[in-house]
Amino acid sequence: MNTTDAKRVLETALICAQQPLPLREMGVLFNGALTADSLKLVLEDLQNDWSGRGVELVHVATGWRFQSRPQMREYLDRLHPEKPPRYSRATLETLAIIAYRQPVTRGDMEDIRGVTINSMILKQLEDRGWVEVIGHKETVGRPALFTTTRQFLDDLGVESLDQLPAMESTSAQVAMLEQIELGNSEPRAATGGGIDRLAAGCR
């Protein structure tokens, strides 16, 4: 199969996919005839083809997907003017601590915040698919260790935790998270809404 045909197949699969597609799934499209390196080259070509358009092809934590560019947000929001409820500052502080200090226990979070954390906050973040328990700390009571999920990275439009902007204080992390539309339940790839890029300057 030539590059043009491969791009056509990948483009169609990515546009029709409900979730980001990992390389191994894309390889199935070609019965294994294309290696991972070959697929990456075709994807880079496809990215270039879509440069300058309102939609871009991006690599996130769980694979590749098409999504609207941030500058299109203002227009696409007109199709869905209802704004979802914002998360409370306490929820954002908790999420910021987990994102930047993970893995952390509830006690660690409370030490950093200086107040008791309501269990409903952690449940809300778990229900949203942004945090999960990955084990227990080998100490008295064996408290749960919380980390962020790949879904969290996908919703932020980043590939790994290394792409989170460096923030020295929890208040700076929260201020940055407050600039993100964390309330949307649909990814940008589907609705043009979703969560903006994490970096504060990208709104």
N, C-alpha and C. Protein backbone atom coordinates (compact mmCIF):
# COMPACT_ATOMS: atom_id res chain seq x y z
N MET A 1 0.85 -1.20 0.00
CA MET A 1 0.00 0.00 0.00
C MET A 1 0.88 1.24 0.00
N ASN A 2 0.56 2.20 -0.87
CA ASN A 2 1.37 3.42 -0.91
C ASN A 2 0.97 4.39 0.20
N THR A 3 1.78 5.43 0.36
CA THR A 3 1.55 6.39 1.45
C THR A 3 0.21 7.09 1.34
N THR A 4 -0.18 7.44 0.13
CA THR A 4 -1.46 8.14 -0.06
C THR A 4 -2.63 7.28 0.42
N ASP A 5 -2.62 6.01 0.06
CA ASP A 5 -3.69 5.11 0.49
C ASP A 5 -3.66 4.90 2.00
N ALA A 6 -2.45 4.76 2.54
CA ALA A 6 -2.31 4.56 3.99
C ALA A 6 -2.85 5.77 4.75
N LYS A 7 -2.53 6.96 4.25
CA LYS A 7 -3.03 8.18 4.90
C LYS A 7 -4.55 8.22 4.86
N ARG A 8 -5.12 7.83 3.73
CA ARG A 8 -6.58 7.85 3.57
C ARG A 8 -7.24 6.92 4.58
N VAL A 9 -6.65 5.73 4.74
CA VAL A 9 -7.20 4.76 5.69
C VAL A 9 -7.09 5.28 7.12
N LEU A 10 -5.91 5.79 7.48
CA LEU A 10 -5.71 6.29 8.84
C LEU A 10 -6.61 7.50 9.13
N GLU A 11 -6.69 8.40 8.19
CA GLU A 11 -7.53 9.59 8.35
C GLU A 11 -8.97 9.19 8.61
N THR A 12 -9.48 8.25 7.83
CA THR A 12 -10.86 7.80 8.00
C THR A 12 -11.07 7.15 9.36
N ALA A 13 -10.14 6.28 9.74
CA ALA A 13 -10.26 5.58 11.03
C ALA A 13 -10.21 6.57 12.20
N LEU A 14 -9.31 7.55 12.13
CA LEU A 14 -9.16 8.51 13.22
C LEU A 14 -10.36 9.44 13.32
N ILE A 15 -10.91 9.84 12.20
CA ILE A 15 -12.08 10.73 12.22
C ILE A 15 -13.30 9.99 12.77
N CYS A 16 -13.40 8.70 12.45
CA CYS A 16 -14.57 7.92 12.88
C CYS A 16 -14.44 7.36 14.30
N ALA A 17 -13.23 7.34 14.83
CA ALA A 17 -13.01 6.74 16.16
C ALA A 17 -13.64 7.58 17.27
N GLN A 18 -14.20 6.90 18.26
CA GLN A 18 -14.79 7.59 19.41
C GLN A 18 -13.74 7.95 20.46
N GLN A 19 -12.63 7.23 20.45
CA GLN A 19 -11.55 7.43 21.42
C GLN A 19 -10.23 7.52 20.67
N PRO A 20 -9.17 8.05 21.32
CA PRO A 20 -7.86 8.06 20.67
C PRO A 20 -7.45 6.65 20.26
N LEU A 21 -6.78 6.54 19.11
CA LEU A 21 -6.34 5.23 18.61
C LEU A 21 -4.85 5.02 18.88
N PRO A 22 -4.50 3.95 19.60
CA PRO A 22 -3.08 3.64 19.79
C PRO A 22 -2.49 3.02 18.52
N LEU A 23 -1.17 3.04 18.40
CA LEU A 23 -0.50 2.51 17.21
C LEU A 23 -0.85 1.05 16.94
N ARG A 24 -0.97 0.25 18.00
CA ARG A 24 -1.23 -1.18 17.78
C ARG A 24 -2.59 -1.39 17.09
N GLU A 25 -3.58 -0.55 17.44
CA GLU A 25 -4.89 -0.67 16.78
C GLU A 25 -4.81 -0.21 15.34
N MET A 26 -4.02 0.84 15.10
CA MET A 26 -3.87 1.31 13.73
C MET A 26 -3.17 0.26 12.87
N GLY A 27 -2.25 -0.49 13.49
CA GLY A 27 -1.56 -1.55 12.77
C GLY A 27 -2.51 -2.62 12.27
N VAL A 28 -3.59 -2.86 13.03
CA VAL A 28 -4.59 -3.85 12.64
C VAL A 28 -5.26 -3.47 11.31
N LEU A 29 -5.38 -2.16 11.07
CA LEU A 29 -5.99 -1.69 9.82
C LEU A 29 -5.25 -2.23 8.60
N PHE A 30 -3.96 -2.48 8.77
CA PHE A 30 -3.11 -2.89 7.63
C PHE A 30 -2.63 -4.34 7.78
N ASN A 31 -3.32 -5.09 8.66
CA ASN A 31 -2.93 -6.50 8.89
C ASN A 31 -1.45 -6.65 9.23
N GLY A 32 -0.90 -5.65 9.94
CA GLY A 32 0.49 -5.72 10.36
C GLY A 32 1.50 -5.43 9.27
N ALA A 33 1.02 -5.01 8.09
CA ALA A 33 1.94 -4.75 6.98
C ALA A 33 2.79 -3.50 7.22
N LEU A 34 2.32 -2.58 8.06
CA LEU A 34 3.07 -1.36 8.37
C LEU A 34 3.64 -1.46 9.78
N THR A 35 4.91 -1.19 9.93
CA THR A 35 5.55 -1.20 11.25
C THR A 35 5.14 0.05 12.02
N ALA A 36 5.42 0.06 13.32
CA ALA A 36 5.11 1.23 14.16
C ALA A 36 5.83 2.46 13.63
N ASP A 37 7.08 2.31 13.20
CA ASP A 37 7.84 3.46 12.67
C ASP A 37 7.20 3.98 11.38
N SER A 38 6.74 3.07 10.53
CA SER A 38 6.10 3.48 9.28
C SER A 38 4.80 4.22 9.58
N LEU A 39 4.05 3.72 10.55
CA LEU A 39 2.79 4.37 10.94
C LEU A 39 3.06 5.79 11.44
N LYS A 40 4.11 5.95 12.25
CA LYS A 40 4.45 7.27 12.78
C LYS A 40 4.78 8.25 11.65
N LEU A 41 5.48 7.77 10.64
CA LEU A 41 5.81 8.63 9.50
C LEU A 41 4.55 9.06 8.75
N VAL A 42 3.63 8.12 8.57
CA VAL A 42 2.37 8.46 7.89
C VAL A 42 1.56 9.44 8.73
N LEU A 43 1.56 9.24 10.05
CA LEU A 43 0.83 10.15 10.94
C LEU A 43 1.43 11.55 10.91
N GLU A 44 2.75 11.64 10.84
CA GLU A 44 3.40 12.96 10.73
C GLU A 44 3.01 13.64 9.43
N ASP A 45 2.95 12.87 8.37
CA ASP A 45 2.49 13.39 7.07
C ASP A 45 1.07 13.91 7.18
N LEU A 46 0.25 13.13 7.85
CA LEU A 46 -1.16 13.51 8.02
C LEU A 46 -1.28 14.78 8.87
N GLN A 47 -0.44 14.90 9.89
CA GLN A 47 -0.42 16.12 10.71
C GLN A 47 -0.12 17.34 9.84
N ASN A 48 0.87 17.19 8.97
CA ASN A 48 1.24 18.30 8.08
C ASN A 48 0.11 18.65 7.12
N ASP A 49 -0.60 17.62 6.63
CA ASP A 49 -1.73 17.86 5.73
C ASP A 49 -2.80 18.71 6.38
N TRP A 50 -2.97 18.55 7.70
CA TRP A 50 -4.04 19.26 8.42
C TRP A 50 -3.54 20.56 9.07
N SER A 51 -2.29 20.94 8.85
CA SER A 51 -1.79 22.18 9.44
C SER A 51 -2.50 23.36 8.79
N GLY A 52 -2.81 24.35 9.60
CA GLY A 52 -3.49 25.52 9.09
C GLY A 52 -4.99 25.38 9.03
N ARG A 53 -5.52 24.22 9.41
CA ARG A 53 -6.97 24.02 9.44
C ARG A 53 -7.50 24.18 10.87
N GLY A 54 -8.80 24.17 11.02
CA GLY A 54 -9.40 24.34 12.34
C GLY A 54 -9.33 23.10 13.21
N VAL A 55 -8.95 21.98 12.59
CA VAL A 55 -8.82 20.71 13.31
C VAL A 55 -7.37 20.25 13.19
N GLU A 56 -6.85 19.61 14.24
CA GLU A 56 -5.48 19.13 14.21
C GLU A 56 -5.42 17.67 14.67
N LEU A 57 -4.39 16.97 14.21
CA LEU A 57 -4.14 15.60 14.64
C LEU A 57 -3.10 15.67 15.75
N VAL A 58 -3.43 15.12 16.92
CA VAL A 58 -2.52 15.21 18.07
C VAL A 58 -2.29 13.83 18.68
N HIS A 59 -1.15 13.71 19.36
CA HIS A 59 -0.81 12.49 20.10
C HIS A 59 -1.06 12.76 21.56
N VAL A 60 -1.99 12.02 22.18
CA VAL A 60 -2.27 12.16 23.61
C VAL A 60 -1.85 10.87 24.31
N ALA A 61 -2.16 10.77 25.60
CA ALA A 61 -1.65 9.65 26.39
C ALA A 61 -2.06 8.28 25.87
N THR A 62 -3.29 8.14 25.38
CA THR A 62 -3.77 6.82 24.98
C THR A 62 -3.73 6.58 23.48
N GLY A 63 -3.23 7.54 22.71
CA GLY A 63 -3.14 7.33 21.27
C GLY A 63 -3.21 8.62 20.48
N TRP A 64 -3.73 8.51 19.26
CA TRP A 64 -3.84 9.67 18.35
C TRP A 64 -5.31 10.00 18.12
N ARG A 65 -5.59 11.32 17.96
CA ARG A 65 -6.96 11.73 17.69
C ARG A 65 -6.98 13.07 16.97
N PHE A 66 -8.08 13.34 16.31
CA PHE A 66 -8.33 14.66 15.76
C PHE A 66 -9.09 15.46 16.80
N GLN A 67 -8.75 16.75 16.92
CA GLN A 67 -9.48 17.64 17.82
C GLN A 67 -9.45 19.06 17.28
N SER A 68 -10.39 19.85 17.74
CA SER A 68 -10.43 21.24 17.29
C SER A 68 -9.27 22.02 17.89
N ARG A 69 -8.80 23.01 17.17
CA ARG A 69 -7.72 23.87 17.69
C ARG A 69 -8.30 24.83 18.72
N PRO A 70 -7.48 25.22 19.72
CA PRO A 70 -7.97 26.11 20.78
C PRO A 70 -8.61 27.40 20.26
N GLN A 71 -8.08 27.95 19.16
CA GLN A 71 -8.63 29.21 18.65
C GLN A 71 -10.02 29.07 18.04
N MET A 72 -10.46 27.84 17.85
CA MET A 72 -11.81 27.59 17.33
C MET A 72 -12.85 27.53 18.45
N ARG A 73 -12.36 27.49 19.68
CA ARG A 73 -13.24 27.33 20.84
C ARG A 73 -14.36 28.35 20.89
N GLU A 74 -14.00 29.61 20.68
CA GLU A 74 -14.98 30.70 20.77
C GLU A 74 -16.17 30.48 19.83
N TYR A 75 -15.91 29.95 18.66
CA TYR A 75 -16.98 29.73 17.68
C TYR A 75 -17.78 28.47 17.99
N LEU A 76 -17.07 27.40 18.35
CA LEU A 76 -17.75 26.13 18.61
C LEU A 76 -18.62 26.19 19.87
N ASP A 77 -18.21 27.03 20.82
CA ASP A 77 -19.01 27.18 22.04
C ASP A 77 -20.40 27.73 21.74
N ARG A 78 -20.55 28.43 20.63
CA ARG A 78 -21.86 29.00 20.29
C ARG A 78 -22.87 27.90 19.98
N LEU A 79 -22.37 26.71 19.60
CA LEU A 79 -23.28 25.59 19.34
C LEU A 79 -23.78 24.97 20.65
N HIS A 80 -23.00 25.14 21.72
CA HIS A 80 -23.35 24.58 23.02
C HIS A 80 -23.14 25.67 24.08
N PRO A 81 -24.02 26.68 24.11
CA PRO A 81 -23.80 27.83 25.00
C PRO A 81 -23.93 27.51 26.49
N GLU A 82 -24.58 26.38 26.86
CA GLU A 82 -24.72 26.08 28.28
C GLU A 82 -23.36 25.73 28.86
N LYS A 83 -23.03 26.40 29.95
CA LYS A 83 -21.74 26.12 30.58
C LYS A 83 -21.93 25.10 31.70
N PRO A 84 -21.12 24.06 31.72
CA PRO A 84 -21.24 23.07 32.81
C PRO A 84 -20.77 23.69 34.12
N PRO A 85 -21.20 23.12 35.24
CA PRO A 85 -20.77 23.67 36.54
C PRO A 85 -19.26 23.54 36.70
N ARG A 86 -18.66 24.55 37.32
CA ARG A 86 -17.22 24.54 37.56
C ARG A 86 -16.92 23.70 38.79
N TYR A 87 -15.71 23.16 38.83
CA TYR A 87 -15.29 22.46 40.03
C TYR A 87 -14.90 23.48 41.10
N SER A 88 -15.11 23.08 42.36
CA SER A 88 -14.78 23.99 43.47
C SER A 88 -13.28 24.17 43.57
N ARG A 89 -12.89 25.23 44.26
CA ARG A 89 -11.45 25.47 44.45
C ARG A 89 -10.81 24.32 45.22
N ALA A 90 -11.54 23.78 46.20
CA ALA A 90 -11.01 22.65 46.98
C ALA A 90 -10.74 21.45 46.07
N THR A 91 -11.63 21.22 45.11
CA THR A 91 -11.45 20.10 44.18
C THR A 91 -10.24 20.34 43.29
N LEU A 92 -10.10 21.57 42.80
CA LEU A 92 -8.96 21.89 41.94
C LEU A 92 -7.64 21.82 42.71
N GLU A 93 -7.66 22.25 43.97
CA GLU A 93 -6.44 22.15 44.78
C GLU A 93 -6.04 20.70 44.96
N THR A 94 -7.03 19.86 45.24
CA THR A 94 -6.76 18.43 45.42
C THR A 94 -6.22 17.81 44.14
N LEU A 95 -6.84 18.15 43.01
CA LEU A 95 -6.39 17.63 41.72
C LEU A 95 -4.97 18.10 41.41
N ALA A 96 -4.67 19.36 41.69
CA ALA A 96 -3.33 19.90 41.43
C ALA A 96 -2.28 19.19 42.27
N ILE A 97 -2.62 18.91 43.54
CA ILE A 97 -1.67 18.21 44.41
C ILE A 97 -1.39 16.81 43.87
N ILE A 98 -2.45 16.11 43.47
CA ILE A 98 -2.26 14.76 42.93
C ILE A 98 -1.45 14.80 41.65
N ALA A 99 -1.78 15.75 40.77
CA ALA A 99 -1.09 15.84 39.47
C ALA A 99 0.40 16.11 39.64
N TYR A 100 0.76 16.98 40.58
CA TYR A 100 2.15 17.41 40.70
C TYR A 100 2.96 16.65 41.76
N ARG A 101 2.29 15.97 42.69
CA ARG A 101 3.03 15.30 43.77
C ARG A 101 2.84 13.78 43.77
N GLN A 102 2.15 13.25 42.80
CA GLN A 102 1.79 11.82 42.81
C GLN A 102 2.99 10.88 42.84
N PRO A 103 2.81 9.69 43.46
CA PRO A 103 1.60 9.25 44.15
C PRO A 103 1.51 9.84 45.55
N VAL A 104 0.31 10.18 45.97
CA VAL A 104 0.12 10.81 47.29
C VAL A 104 -1.04 10.16 48.02
N THR A 105 -0.96 10.20 49.33
CA THR A 105 -2.07 9.71 50.15
C THR A 105 -2.98 10.88 50.51
N ARG A 106 -4.14 10.54 51.00
CA ARG A 106 -5.06 11.60 51.45
C ARG A 106 -4.40 12.44 52.55
N GLY A 107 -3.64 11.75 53.44
CA GLY A 107 -2.94 12.49 54.50
C GLY A 107 -1.92 13.47 53.94
N ASP A 108 -1.20 13.06 52.88
CA ASP A 108 -0.24 13.96 52.23
C ASP A 108 -0.96 15.20 51.71
N MET A 109 -2.11 14.96 51.06
CA MET A 109 -2.88 16.09 50.48
C MET A 109 -3.35 17.03 51.58
N GLU A 110 -3.79 16.45 52.69
CA GLU A 110 -4.28 17.29 53.79
C GLU A 110 -3.14 18.09 54.41
N ASP A 111 -1.95 17.49 54.50
CA ASP A 111 -0.78 18.22 55.02
C ASP A 111 -0.45 19.41 54.13
N ILE A 112 -0.52 19.21 52.82
CA ILE A 112 -0.20 20.28 51.87
C ILE A 112 -1.27 21.37 51.90
N ARG A 113 -2.55 20.97 51.91
CA ARG A 113 -3.64 21.94 51.89
C ARG A 113 -3.86 22.59 53.24
N GLY A 114 -3.52 21.86 54.31
CA GLY A 114 -3.71 22.40 55.65
C GLY A 114 -5.12 22.24 56.17
N VAL A 115 -5.95 21.49 55.46
CA VAL A 115 -7.33 21.25 55.89
C VAL A 115 -7.69 19.80 55.56
N THR A 116 -8.76 19.33 56.20
CA THR A 116 -9.25 17.98 55.93
C THR A 116 -9.88 17.94 54.54
N ILE A 117 -9.64 16.87 53.81
CA ILE A 117 -10.22 16.72 52.47
C ILE A 117 -11.47 15.88 52.55
N ASN A 118 -12.57 16.43 52.09
CA ASN A 118 -13.84 15.71 52.05
C ASN A 118 -13.71 14.51 51.12
N SER A 119 -14.15 13.35 51.57
CA SER A 119 -14.04 12.14 50.74
C SER A 119 -14.81 12.26 49.43
N MET A 120 -15.83 13.13 49.40
CA MET A 120 -16.61 13.31 48.18
C MET A 120 -15.79 13.96 47.08
N ILE A 121 -14.78 14.76 47.46
CA ILE A 121 -13.90 15.39 46.47
C ILE A 121 -13.13 14.31 45.71
N LEU A 122 -12.55 13.38 46.45
CA LEU A 122 -11.79 12.30 45.81
C LEU A 122 -12.71 11.41 44.98
N LYS A 123 -13.92 11.17 45.49
CA LYS A 123 -14.87 10.34 44.74
C LYS A 123 -15.26 11.03 43.44
N GLN A 124 -15.46 12.34 43.51
CA GLN A 124 -15.81 13.11 42.31
C GLN A 124 -14.71 13.00 41.25
N LEU A 125 -13.47 13.11 41.68
CA LEU A 125 -12.35 13.01 40.74
C LEU A 125 -12.19 11.59 40.20
N GLU A 126 -12.46 10.60 41.05
CA GLU A 126 -12.41 9.21 40.59
C GLU A 126 -13.54 8.92 39.61
N ASP A 127 -14.74 9.41 39.91
CA ASP A 127 -15.89 9.19 39.02
C ASP A 127 -15.67 9.84 37.67
N ARG A 128 -14.97 10.97 37.66
CA ARG A 128 -14.70 11.67 36.41
C ARG A 128 -13.62 10.94 35.59
N GLY A 129 -12.91 10.03 36.25
CA GLY A 129 -11.88 9.26 35.55
C GLY A 129 -10.53 9.94 35.54
N TRP A 130 -10.34 10.93 36.42
CA TRP A 130 -9.08 11.69 36.43
C TRP A 130 -8.08 11.18 37.45
N VAL A 131 -8.54 10.54 38.52
CA VAL A 131 -7.60 9.99 39.51
C VAL A 131 -7.99 8.55 39.83
N GLU A 132 -6.99 7.79 40.32
CA GLU A 132 -7.24 6.41 40.68
C GLU A 132 -6.29 6.00 41.80
N VAL A 133 -6.64 4.93 42.50
CA VAL A 133 -5.79 4.36 43.54
C VAL A 133 -4.91 3.31 42.89
N ILE A 134 -3.59 3.43 43.06
CA ILE A 134 -2.67 2.47 42.43
C ILE A 134 -2.04 1.50 43.43
N GLY A 135 -2.37 1.67 44.70
CA GLY A 135 -1.79 0.80 45.72
C GLY A 135 -1.96 1.43 47.09
N HIS A 136 -1.20 0.93 48.05
CA HIS A 136 -1.28 1.44 49.41
C HIS A 136 0.13 1.65 49.97
N LYS A 137 0.28 2.71 50.74
CA LYS A 137 1.57 3.04 51.33
C LYS A 137 1.86 2.09 52.49
N GLU A 138 3.08 1.58 52.53
CA GLU A 138 3.47 0.64 53.58
C GLU A 138 3.78 1.41 54.86
N THR A 139 2.70 1.83 55.52
CA THR A 139 2.82 2.54 56.79
C THR A 139 1.58 2.23 57.60
N VAL A 140 1.45 2.81 58.77
CA VAL A 140 0.31 2.52 59.63
C VAL A 140 -1.01 2.81 58.91
N GLY A 141 -1.89 1.83 58.90
CA GLY A 141 -3.19 2.02 58.24
C GLY A 141 -3.18 1.76 56.75
N ARG A 142 -2.00 1.60 56.15
CA ARG A 142 -1.85 1.38 54.70
C ARG A 142 -2.78 2.27 53.87
N PRO A 143 -2.58 3.61 53.95
CA PRO A 143 -3.45 4.53 53.21
C PRO A 143 -3.29 4.38 51.70
N ALA A 144 -4.38 4.65 50.99
CA ALA A 144 -4.40 4.54 49.52
C ALA A 144 -3.48 5.58 48.89
N LEU A 145 -2.83 5.18 47.80
CA LEU A 145 -1.97 6.09 47.03
C LEU A 145 -2.73 6.51 45.77
N PHE A 146 -2.89 7.81 45.59
CA PHE A 146 -3.63 8.36 44.45
C PHE A 146 -2.69 8.89 43.38
N THR A 147 -3.05 8.65 42.12
CA THR A 147 -2.34 9.23 40.98
C THR A 147 -3.38 9.69 39.96
N THR A 148 -2.93 10.47 38.99
CA THR A 148 -3.83 10.83 37.89
C THR A 148 -3.84 9.69 36.88
N THR A 149 -4.82 9.72 35.98
CA THR A 149 -5.01 8.65 35.00
C THR A 149 -4.60 9.11 33.61
N ARG A 150 -4.57 8.16 32.68
CA ARG A 150 -4.32 8.49 31.28
C ARG A 150 -5.49 9.30 30.72
N GLN A 151 -6.69 9.07 31.27
CA GLN A 151 -7.86 9.85 30.84
C GLN A 151 -7.66 11.32 31.18
N PHE A 152 -7.07 11.60 32.34
CA PHE A 152 -6.76 12.97 32.75
C PHE A 152 -5.85 13.63 31.72
N LEU A 153 -4.80 12.90 31.31
CA LEU A 153 -3.87 13.44 30.31
C LEU A 153 -4.58 13.65 28.97
N ASP A 154 -5.40 12.68 28.57
CA ASP A 154 -6.15 12.81 27.32
C ASP A 154 -7.02 14.05 27.34
N ASP A 155 -7.75 14.24 28.46
CA ASP A 155 -8.67 15.38 28.54
C ASP A 155 -7.94 16.71 28.55
N LEU A 156 -6.69 16.70 28.99
CA LEU A 156 -5.88 17.92 28.96
C LEU A 156 -5.19 18.10 27.61
N GLY A 157 -5.23 17.05 26.80
CA GLY A 157 -4.60 17.14 25.48
C GLY A 157 -3.09 17.03 25.53
N VAL A 158 -2.56 16.32 26.55
CA VAL A 158 -1.12 16.12 26.64
C VAL A 158 -0.80 14.63 26.61
N GLU A 159 0.45 14.33 26.28
CA GLU A 159 0.87 12.94 26.11
C GLU A 159 1.39 12.32 27.40
N SER A 160 2.03 13.15 28.24
CA SER A 160 2.61 12.62 29.48
C SER A 160 2.69 13.72 30.54
N LEU A 161 2.95 13.30 31.78
CA LEU A 161 3.06 14.26 32.88
C LEU A 161 4.20 15.23 32.67
N ASP A 162 5.20 14.83 31.90
CA ASP A 162 6.35 15.71 31.62
C ASP A 162 5.91 16.99 30.91
N GLN A 163 4.74 16.96 30.27
CA GLN A 163 4.28 18.13 29.53
C GLN A 163 3.48 19.10 30.39
N LEU A 164 3.28 18.76 31.66
CA LEU A 164 2.62 19.72 32.56
C LEU A 164 3.59 20.87 32.80
N PRO A 165 3.11 22.10 32.77
CA PRO A 165 4.01 23.23 33.01
C PRO A 165 4.54 23.20 34.44
N ALA A 166 5.80 23.61 34.61
CA ALA A 166 6.41 23.62 35.94
C ALA A 166 5.75 24.67 36.81
N MET A 167 5.33 24.28 38.00
CA MET A 167 4.71 25.19 38.94
C MET A 167 5.31 24.94 40.31
N GLU A 168 5.76 26.00 40.98
CA GLU A 168 6.45 25.81 42.25
C GLU A 168 5.51 25.76 43.44
N SER A 169 4.36 26.41 43.36
CA SER A 169 3.46 26.43 44.51
C SER A 169 2.10 25.85 44.13
N THR A 170 1.40 25.33 45.15
CA THR A 170 0.06 24.78 44.91
C THR A 170 -0.88 25.85 44.41
N SER A 171 -0.74 27.08 44.92
CA SER A 171 -1.63 28.16 44.49
C SER A 171 -1.44 28.46 43.00
N ALA A 172 -0.19 28.37 42.53
CA ALA A 172 0.07 28.59 41.10
C ALA A 172 -0.53 27.47 40.27
N GLN A 173 -0.44 26.24 40.78
CA GLN A 173 -1.01 25.10 40.07
C GLN A 173 -2.52 25.24 39.97
N VAL A 174 -3.15 25.66 41.08
CA VAL A 174 -4.61 25.83 41.09
C VAL A 174 -5.02 26.95 40.16
N ALA A 175 -4.26 28.06 40.18
CA ALA A 175 -4.58 29.18 39.29
C ALA A 175 -4.53 28.73 37.84
N MET A 176 -3.55 27.87 37.52
CA MET A 176 -3.44 27.37 36.16
C MET A 176 -4.62 26.46 35.84
N LEU A 177 -4.98 25.57 36.78
CA LEU A 177 -6.10 24.66 36.53
C LEU A 177 -7.42 25.41 36.41
N GLU A 178 -7.54 26.54 37.11
CA GLU A 178 -8.78 27.31 37.03
C GLU A 178 -8.99 27.90 35.65
N GLN A 179 -7.93 28.01 34.87
CA GLN A 179 -8.05 28.55 33.52
C GLN A 179 -8.51 27.48 32.52
N ILE A 180 -8.60 26.26 33.02
CA ILE A 180 -8.98 25.15 32.15
C ILE A 180 -10.46 24.86 32.33
N GLU A 181 -11.14 24.58 31.25
CA GLU A 181 -12.56 24.25 31.31
C GLU A 181 -12.67 22.80 31.74
N LEU A 182 -12.65 22.55 33.06
CA LEU A 182 -12.61 21.18 33.56
C LEU A 182 -13.99 20.55 33.65
N GLY A 183 -15.02 21.32 33.43
CA GLY A 183 -16.35 20.77 33.65
C GLY A 183 -16.94 20.01 32.49
N ASN A 184 -16.40 20.15 31.29
CA ASN A 184 -17.01 19.49 30.14
C ASN A 184 -16.82 17.99 30.19
N SER A 185 -17.88 17.27 29.83
CA SER A 185 -17.81 15.81 29.86
C SER A 185 -17.48 15.23 28.50
N GLU A 186 -17.50 16.04 27.46
CA GLU A 186 -17.21 15.54 26.12
C GLU A 186 -15.83 16.01 25.68
N PRO A 187 -15.05 15.16 25.04
CA PRO A 187 -13.74 15.58 24.55
C PRO A 187 -13.86 16.55 23.40
N ARG A 188 -12.85 17.37 23.21
CA ARG A 188 -12.88 18.33 22.11
C ARG A 188 -13.01 17.63 20.78
N ALA A 189 -12.47 16.43 20.71
CA ALA A 189 -12.50 15.70 19.44
C ALA A 189 -13.93 15.47 18.98
N ALA A 190 -14.87 15.36 19.93
CA ALA A 190 -16.24 15.06 19.57
C ALA A 190 -17.09 16.31 19.38
N THR A 191 -16.88 17.33 20.23
CA THR A 191 -17.82 18.45 20.24
C THR A 191 -17.19 19.79 19.94
N GLY A 192 -15.87 19.84 19.99
CA GLY A 192 -15.23 21.16 19.86
C GLY A 192 -15.21 21.89 21.17
N GLY A 193 -15.75 21.31 22.24
CA GLY A 193 -15.71 21.90 23.56
C GLY A 193 -14.54 21.31 24.30
N GLY A 194 -14.83 20.57 25.35
CA GLY A 194 -13.80 19.83 26.06
C GLY A 194 -12.83 20.69 26.82
N ILE A 195 -11.71 20.11 27.13
CA ILE A 195 -10.72 20.76 28.00
C ILE A 195 -9.62 21.38 27.20
N ASP A 196 -9.34 22.63 27.49
CA ASP A 196 -8.26 23.33 26.79
C ASP A 196 -6.91 22.77 27.20
N ARG A 197 -5.89 23.18 26.46
CA ARG A 197 -4.54 22.76 26.81
C ARG A 197 -4.20 23.23 28.21
N LEU A 198 -3.34 22.48 28.89
CA LEU A 198 -3.03 22.75 30.28
C LEU A 198 -2.26 24.05 30.48
N ALA A 199 -1.34 24.36 29.60
CA ALA A 199 -0.51 25.54 29.79
C ALA A 199 -1.37 26.80 29.87
N ALA A 200 -1.07 27.65 30.83
CA ALA A 200 -1.90 28.82 31.10
C ALA A 200 -2.02 29.74 29.91
N GLY A 201 -1.02 29.83 29.07
CA GLY A 201 -1.06 30.76 27.96
C GLY A 201 -1.79 30.27 26.75
N CYS A 202 -2.37 29.09 26.78
CA CYS A 202 -2.95 28.51 25.57
C CYS A 202 -4.44 28.74 25.43
N ARG A 203 -5.08 29.49 26.34
CA ARG A 203 -6.52 29.72 26.20
C ARG A 203 -6.79 30.69 25.08
